[in-house]
């Protein structure tokens, strides 16, 4: 799972955001089994631009960084869980029946059953 945001978050805050994606996985039935392979990476595009003159390695430089106050992270946590759940459901619904090696078949979900279970 890749979680991207334009909110100005620090690395420790982004770790916390990534943890909330697990809640979205859990909503659709994932429980982090031994072989699940669930990996989550989160990043922010905020604070990405430094003036070109500050990139000279011969000059020490500093940059101001904005951050969201921790007390205001809850809506981002909720949005992360919601978006993760939605992405998984979208992928499951869009999947088509596939045949792999040695005739192994993965069937598409019957959408009428999916709709009924989501009600």
C-alpha atoms as a PDB file:
ATOM      1  CA  UNK A   1       0.000   0.000   0.000  1.00  0.00           C
ATOM      2  CA  UNK A   2       1.324   3.466  -0.856  1.00  0.00           C
ATOM      3  CA  UNK A   3      -0.138   6.390   1.091  1.00  0.00           C
ATOM      4  CA  UNK A   4       0.619   9.830  -0.342  1.00  0.00           C
ATOM      5  CA  UNK A   5      -0.438  13.172   1.080  1.00  0.00           C
ATOM      6  CA  UNK A   6       0.226  16.828   0.515  1.00  0.00           C
ATOM      7  CA  UNK A   7      -0.217  17.518   4.232  1.00  0.00           C
ATOM      8  CA  UNK A   8       2.963  18.807   5.856  1.00  0.00           C
ATOM      9  CA  UNK A   9       3.887  15.784   7.965  1.00  0.00           C
ATOM     10  CA  UNK A  10       7.135  14.782   9.619  1.00  0.00           C
ATOM     11  CA  UNK A  11       8.541  11.240   9.323  1.00  0.00           C
ATOM     12  CA  UNK A  12       7.159  10.099  12.686  1.00  0.00           C
ATOM     13  CA  UNK A  13       3.723  11.406  11.718  1.00  0.00           C
ATOM     14  CA  UNK A  14       3.936   9.589   8.389  1.00  0.00           C
ATOM     15  CA  UNK A  15       4.712   6.366  10.271  1.00  0.00           C
ATOM     16  CA  UNK A  16       1.492   6.866  12.226  1.00  0.00           C
ATOM     17  CA  UNK A  17      -0.444   7.521   9.006  1.00  0.00           C
ATOM     18  CA  UNK A  18       0.929   4.296   7.487  1.00  0.00           C
ATOM     19  CA  UNK A  19      -0.276   2.372  10.528  1.00  0.00           C
ATOM     20  CA  UNK A  20      -3.828   3.577   9.833  1.00  0.00           C
ATOM     21  CA  UNK A  21      -3.816   1.942   6.394  1.00  0.00           C
ATOM     22  CA  UNK A  22      -3.876  -1.362   8.273  1.00  0.00           C
ATOM     23  CA  UNK A  23      -7.325  -0.399   9.542  1.00  0.00           C
ATOM     24  CA  UNK A  24      -8.556  -0.115   5.965  1.00  0.00           C
ATOM     25  CA  UNK A  25      -7.104  -3.549   5.199  1.00  0.00           C
ATOM     26  CA  UNK A  26      -8.847  -4.949   8.276  1.00  0.00           C
ATOM     27  CA  UNK A  27     -12.193  -3.470   7.205  1.00  0.00           C
ATOM     28  CA  UNK A  28     -12.192  -5.736   4.157  1.00  0.00           C
ATOM     29  CA  UNK A  29     -11.112  -8.826   6.074  1.00  0.00           C
ATOM     30  CA  UNK A  30      -7.321  -8.729   6.177  1.00  0.00           C
ATOM     31  CA  UNK A  31      -5.830  -9.588   9.542  1.00  0.00           C
ATOM     32  CA  UNK A  32      -2.113  -9.563   8.758  1.00  0.00           C
ATOM     33  CA  UNK A  33      -1.617 -13.290   8.341  1.00  0.00           C
ATOM     34  CA  UNK A  34       1.911 -14.670   8.306  1.00  0.00           C
ATOM     35  CA  UNK A  35       1.999 -14.764   4.501  1.00  0.00           C
ATOM     36  CA  UNK A  36      -0.001 -11.583   3.867  1.00  0.00           C
ATOM     37  CA  UNK A  37       2.901  -9.512   2.591  1.00  0.00           C
ATOM     38  CA  UNK A  38       1.192  -6.304   3.724  1.00  0.00           C
ATOM     39  CA  UNK A  39       3.696  -3.473   3.404  1.00  0.00           C
ATOM     40  CA  UNK A  40       2.823   0.194   3.704  1.00  0.00           C
ATOM     41  CA  UNK A  41       4.864   3.201   2.615  1.00  0.00           C
ATOM     42  CA  UNK A  42       3.723   6.740   3.312  1.00  0.00           C
ATOM     43  CA  UNK A  43       5.147  10.012   2.086  1.00  0.00           C
ATOM     44  CA  UNK A  44       4.308  13.681   1.897  1.00  0.00           C
ATOM     45  CA  UNK A  45       4.867  16.009  -1.015  1.00  0.00           C
ATOM     46  CA  UNK A  46       4.836  19.047   1.294  1.00  0.00           C
ATOM     47  CA  UNK A  47       8.110  20.755   2.137  1.00  0.00           C
ATOM     48  CA  UNK A  48       9.602  19.335  -1.055  1.00  0.00           C
ATOM     49  CA  UNK A  49      10.940  22.492  -2.613  1.00  0.00           C
ATOM     50  CA  UNK A  50      14.222  24.066  -1.606  1.00  0.00           C
ATOM     51  CA  UNK A  51      15.609  27.068  -3.428  1.00  0.00           C
ATOM     52  CA  UNK A  52      18.290  25.972  -5.913  1.00  0.00           C
ATOM     53  CA  UNK A  53      20.914  28.176  -4.226  1.00  0.00           C
ATOM     54  CA  UNK A  54      20.566  26.077  -1.063  1.00  0.00           C
ATOM     55  CA  UNK A  55      21.719  22.937  -2.856  1.00  0.00           C
ATOM     56  CA  UNK A  56      25.368  23.998  -3.054  1.00  0.00           C
ATOM     57  CA  UNK A  57      27.256  21.395  -0.936  1.00  0.00           C
ATOM     58  CA  UNK A  58      29.977  23.928  -0.101  1.00  0.00           C
ATOM     59  CA  UNK A  59      27.569  26.181   1.775  1.00  0.00           C
ATOM     60  CA  UNK A  60      25.882  25.127   4.985  1.00  0.00           C
ATOM     61  CA  UNK A  61      22.194  25.775   4.769  1.00  0.00           C
ATOM     62  CA  UNK A  62      19.033  25.257   6.677  1.00  0.00           C
ATOM     63  CA  UNK A  63      15.416  25.190   5.650  1.00  0.00           C
ATOM     64  CA  UNK A  64      12.195  25.883   7.451  1.00  0.00           C
ATOM     65  CA  UNK A  65       9.821  22.953   7.585  1.00  0.00           C
ATOM     66  CA  UNK A  66       6.096  23.134   8.166  1.00  0.00           C
ATOM     67  CA  UNK A  67       4.309  20.427  10.099  1.00  0.00           C
ATOM     68  CA  UNK A  68       0.749  19.690  11.029  1.00  0.00           C
ATOM     69  CA  UNK A  69       0.143  19.740  14.781  1.00  0.00           C
ATOM     70  CA  UNK A  70      -0.466  16.199  16.102  1.00  0.00           C
ATOM     71  CA  UNK A  71      -3.863  17.175  17.520  1.00  0.00           C
ATOM     72  CA  UNK A  72      -5.060  17.657  13.919  1.00  0.00           C
ATOM     73  CA  UNK A  73      -3.993  14.245  12.558  1.00  0.00           C
ATOM     74  CA  UNK A  74      -7.238  12.361  13.243  1.00  0.00           C
ATOM     75  CA  UNK A  75      -8.948  13.395   9.969  1.00  0.00           C
ATOM     76  CA  UNK A  76      -5.867  12.232   8.045  1.00  0.00           C
ATOM     77  CA  UNK A  77      -5.914   8.916   9.908  1.00  0.00           C
ATOM     78  CA  UNK A  78      -9.596   8.440   9.074  1.00  0.00           C
ATOM     79  CA  UNK A  79      -9.068   9.385   5.423  1.00  0.00           C
ATOM     80  CA  UNK A  80      -6.173   6.922   5.180  1.00  0.00           C
ATOM     81  CA  UNK A  81      -8.299   4.029   6.461  1.00  0.00           C
ATOM     82  CA  UNK A  82     -11.184   5.034   4.168  1.00  0.00           C
ATOM     83  CA  UNK A  83      -8.981   5.377   1.080  1.00  0.00           C
ATOM     84  CA  UNK A  84      -7.259   2.051   1.752  1.00  0.00           C
ATOM     85  CA  UNK A  85     -10.579   0.246   2.109  1.00  0.00           C
ATOM     86  CA  UNK A  86     -11.906   1.880  -1.059  1.00  0.00           C
ATOM     87  CA  UNK A  87      -8.772   1.017  -3.062  1.00  0.00           C
ATOM     88  CA  UNK A  88      -9.006  -2.649  -2.080  1.00  0.00           C
ATOM     89  CA  UNK A  89     -12.712  -2.840  -2.896  1.00  0.00           C
ATOM     90  CA  UNK A  90     -12.125  -1.088  -6.244  1.00  0.00           C
ATOM     91  CA  UNK A  91      -9.380  -3.570  -7.139  1.00  0.00           C
ATOM     92  CA  UNK A  92     -11.522  -6.550  -6.152  1.00  0.00           C
ATOM     93  CA  UNK A  93     -14.507  -5.326  -8.142  1.00  0.00           C
ATOM     94  CA  UNK A  94     -12.446  -4.479 -11.223  1.00  0.00           C
ATOM     95  CA  UNK A  95     -10.606  -7.822 -11.236  1.00  0.00           C
ATOM     96  CA  UNK A  96     -11.345 -10.204 -14.087  1.00  0.00           C
ATOM     97  CA  UNK A  97     -11.083 -13.983 -14.177  1.00  0.00           C
ATOM     98  CA  UNK A  98      -7.504 -15.012 -14.955  1.00  0.00           C
ATOM     99  CA  UNK A  99      -5.834 -18.280 -15.872  1.00  0.00           C
ATOM    100  CA  UNK A 100      -2.242 -18.766 -14.787  1.00  0.00           C
ATOM    101  CA  UNK A 101       0.456 -21.392 -14.909  1.00  0.00           C
ATOM    102  CA  UNK A 102      -0.699 -25.003 -15.164  1.00  0.00           C
ATOM    103  CA  UNK A 103      -4.277 -23.834 -15.721  1.00  0.00           C
ATOM    104  CA  UNK A 104      -4.647 -22.321 -12.242  1.00  0.00           C
ATOM    105  CA  UNK A 105      -7.744 -20.125 -12.365  1.00  0.00           C
ATOM    106  CA  UNK A 106      -8.590 -17.083 -10.261  1.00  0.00           C
ATOM    107  CA  UNK A 107     -12.244 -16.222 -10.672  1.00  0.00           C
ATOM    108  CA  UNK A 108     -13.618 -12.698 -10.791  1.00  0.00           C
ATOM    109  CA  UNK A 109     -15.922 -11.817  -7.941  1.00  0.00           C
ATOM    110  CA  UNK A 110     -19.618 -12.174  -8.685  1.00  0.00           C
ATOM    111  CA  UNK A 111     -20.637  -8.518  -8.390  1.00  0.00           C
ATOM    112  CA  UNK A 112     -24.211  -9.273  -7.320  1.00  0.00           C
ATOM    113  CA  UNK A 113     -22.873 -11.178  -4.283  1.00  0.00           C
ATOM    114  CA  UNK A 114     -20.419  -8.368  -3.498  1.00  0.00           C
ATOM    115  CA  UNK A 115     -23.159  -5.739  -3.678  1.00  0.00           C
ATOM    116  CA  UNK A 116     -25.407  -7.775  -1.392  1.00  0.00           C
ATOM    117  CA  UNK A 117     -22.660  -8.321   1.181  1.00  0.00           C
ATOM    118  CA  UNK A 118     -21.766  -4.612   1.259  1.00  0.00           C
ATOM    119  CA  UNK A 119     -25.338  -3.641   2.042  1.00  0.00           C
END
